[in-house]
Amino acid sequence: MDEKQVAQPGQVQIKADEKELQGLYSNLVMIQHHAEEFTLNFVYIFPNGTQGKLLSSVIVSPGHAKRIWRALGENIARFEAAYGPIKEGPEGAPVPGANIGFVQ
């Protein structure tokens, strides 16, 4: 059955196939920036910790990077209000990719 979907004002129809809907799991994001853009490289570090695979590279404007940062912060706050504080990892446990050039 064919149904036409009409976008409401202010809405955007987004198409995705099954592969995109499944998503990807990343346990490391490497972020670089310069005057005109931010690059987020999503990586999966394998359990042996000696190799990883670049899953996706997303390039955004500085303004969009700031909106992502704000939206992520708001979602984390709502998550923690509902489920309690998020632990960044078990105490003393190695974090995948922890020694791969994070700058604080």
Protein backbone atom coordinates (compact mmCIF):
# COMPACT_ATOMS: atom_id res chain seq x y z
CA MET A 1 0.00 0.00 0.00
CA ASP A 2 1.44 3.37 -1.02
CA GLU A 3 0.90 6.19 1.40
CA LYS A 4 2.03 9.72 0.80
CA GLN A 5 3.64 11.33 3.78
CA VAL A 6 3.33 15.07 3.83
CA ALA A 7 5.80 16.99 5.95
CA GLN A 8 4.20 19.38 8.40
CA PRO A 9 5.54 22.96 8.44
CA GLY A 10 8.86 23.01 10.28
CA GLN A 11 9.39 19.26 9.85
CA VAL A 12 11.83 17.46 7.58
CA GLN A 13 11.25 13.98 6.19
CA ILE A 14 14.37 11.88 6.77
CA LYS A 15 14.90 8.68 4.84
CA ALA A 16 17.04 5.83 6.15
CA ASP A 17 17.45 2.24 5.12
CA GLU A 18 17.71 -0.69 7.53
CA LYS A 19 21.51 -0.49 7.80
CA GLU A 20 21.43 3.13 9.01
CA LEU A 21 18.57 2.39 11.38
CA GLN A 22 20.63 -0.34 13.06
CA GLY A 23 23.29 2.19 13.99
CA LEU A 24 26.94 1.62 14.84
CA TYR A 25 28.65 1.12 18.20
CA SER A 26 31.66 3.35 18.81
CA ASN A 27 33.79 3.26 21.94
CA LEU A 28 36.06 6.15 20.94
CA VAL A 29 35.52 9.50 19.28
CA MET A 30 38.44 11.60 18.16
CA ILE A 31 37.63 15.28 17.68
CA GLN A 32 39.65 17.79 15.70
CA HIS A 33 38.84 21.35 14.79
CA HIS A 34 40.02 24.43 12.98
CA ALA A 35 38.46 27.81 12.21
CA GLU A 36 35.73 26.54 9.91
CA GLU A 37 34.80 23.02 11.01
CA PHE A 38 34.86 20.28 13.61
CA THR A 39 35.63 16.70 12.58
CA LEU A 40 34.32 13.85 14.73
CA ASN A 41 35.90 10.49 13.90
CA PHE A 42 33.91 7.64 15.44
CA VAL A 43 36.11 4.59 16.02
CA TYR A 44 35.67 1.08 17.40
CA ILE A 45 38.72 -0.12 19.36
CA PHE A 46 38.81 -3.91 19.37
CA PRO A 47 38.90 -5.72 22.74
CA ASN A 48 42.59 -6.56 22.36
CA GLY A 49 43.26 -2.81 22.37
CA THR A 50 45.91 -3.00 19.66
CA GLN A 51 43.81 -1.97 16.69
CA GLY A 52 40.66 -0.10 15.81
CA LYS A 53 38.43 0.71 12.86
CA LEU A 54 37.14 4.09 11.72
CA LEU A 55 33.36 3.73 11.51
CA SER A 56 32.34 7.20 10.44
CA SER A 57 33.75 10.68 10.04
CA VAL A 58 31.29 13.52 10.61
CA ILE A 59 32.25 17.08 9.71
CA VAL A 60 30.16 19.96 11.09
CA SER A 61 30.35 23.74 11.34
CA PRO A 62 31.42 25.29 14.67
CA GLY A 63 27.84 26.48 15.27
CA HIS A 64 26.44 23.01 14.70
CA ALA A 65 29.14 21.48 16.94
CA LYS A 66 28.00 23.80 19.73
CA ARG A 67 24.34 22.82 19.19
CA ILE A 68 25.33 19.13 19.34
CA TRP A 69 27.27 19.79 22.58
CA ARG A 70 24.28 21.58 24.12
CA ALA A 71 21.78 18.90 23.02
CA LEU A 72 24.02 16.11 24.32
CA GLY A 73 24.42 17.90 27.66
CA GLU A 74 20.65 18.35 27.99
CA ASN A 75 20.05 14.66 27.17
CA ILE A 76 22.69 13.51 29.65
CA ALA A 77 21.09 15.67 32.36
CA ARG A 78 17.64 14.17 31.65
CA PHE A 79 19.10 10.64 31.59
CA GLU A 80 20.86 11.14 34.93
CA ALA A 81 17.71 12.67 36.46
CA ALA A 82 15.81 9.52 35.46
CA TYR A 83 18.46 6.84 36.06
CA GLY A 84 21.17 8.31 38.28
CA PRO A 85 24.73 9.44 37.56
CA ILE A 86 26.54 7.95 34.60
CA LYS A 87 29.84 6.30 35.45
CA GLU A 88 32.52 6.83 32.83
CA GLY A 89 33.84 3.34 33.52
CA PRO A 90 34.52 0.90 36.33
CA GLU A 91 37.08 2.18 38.83
CA GLY A 92 40.55 1.10 37.78
CA ALA A 93 39.34 -0.65 34.62
CA PRO A 94 41.11 0.24 31.38
CA VAL A 95 39.01 2.33 29.02
CA PRO A 96 39.29 1.37 25.33
CA GLY A 97 41.41 3.93 23.53
CA ALA A 98 42.22 5.83 26.75
CA ASN A 99 45.84 6.22 25.69
CA ILE A 100 45.06 7.52 22.19
CA GLY A 101 45.74 11.21 22.54
CA PHE A 102 42.81 12.58 24.51
CA VAL A 103 43.36 16.22 25.40
CA GLN A 104 41.45 17.57 28.39
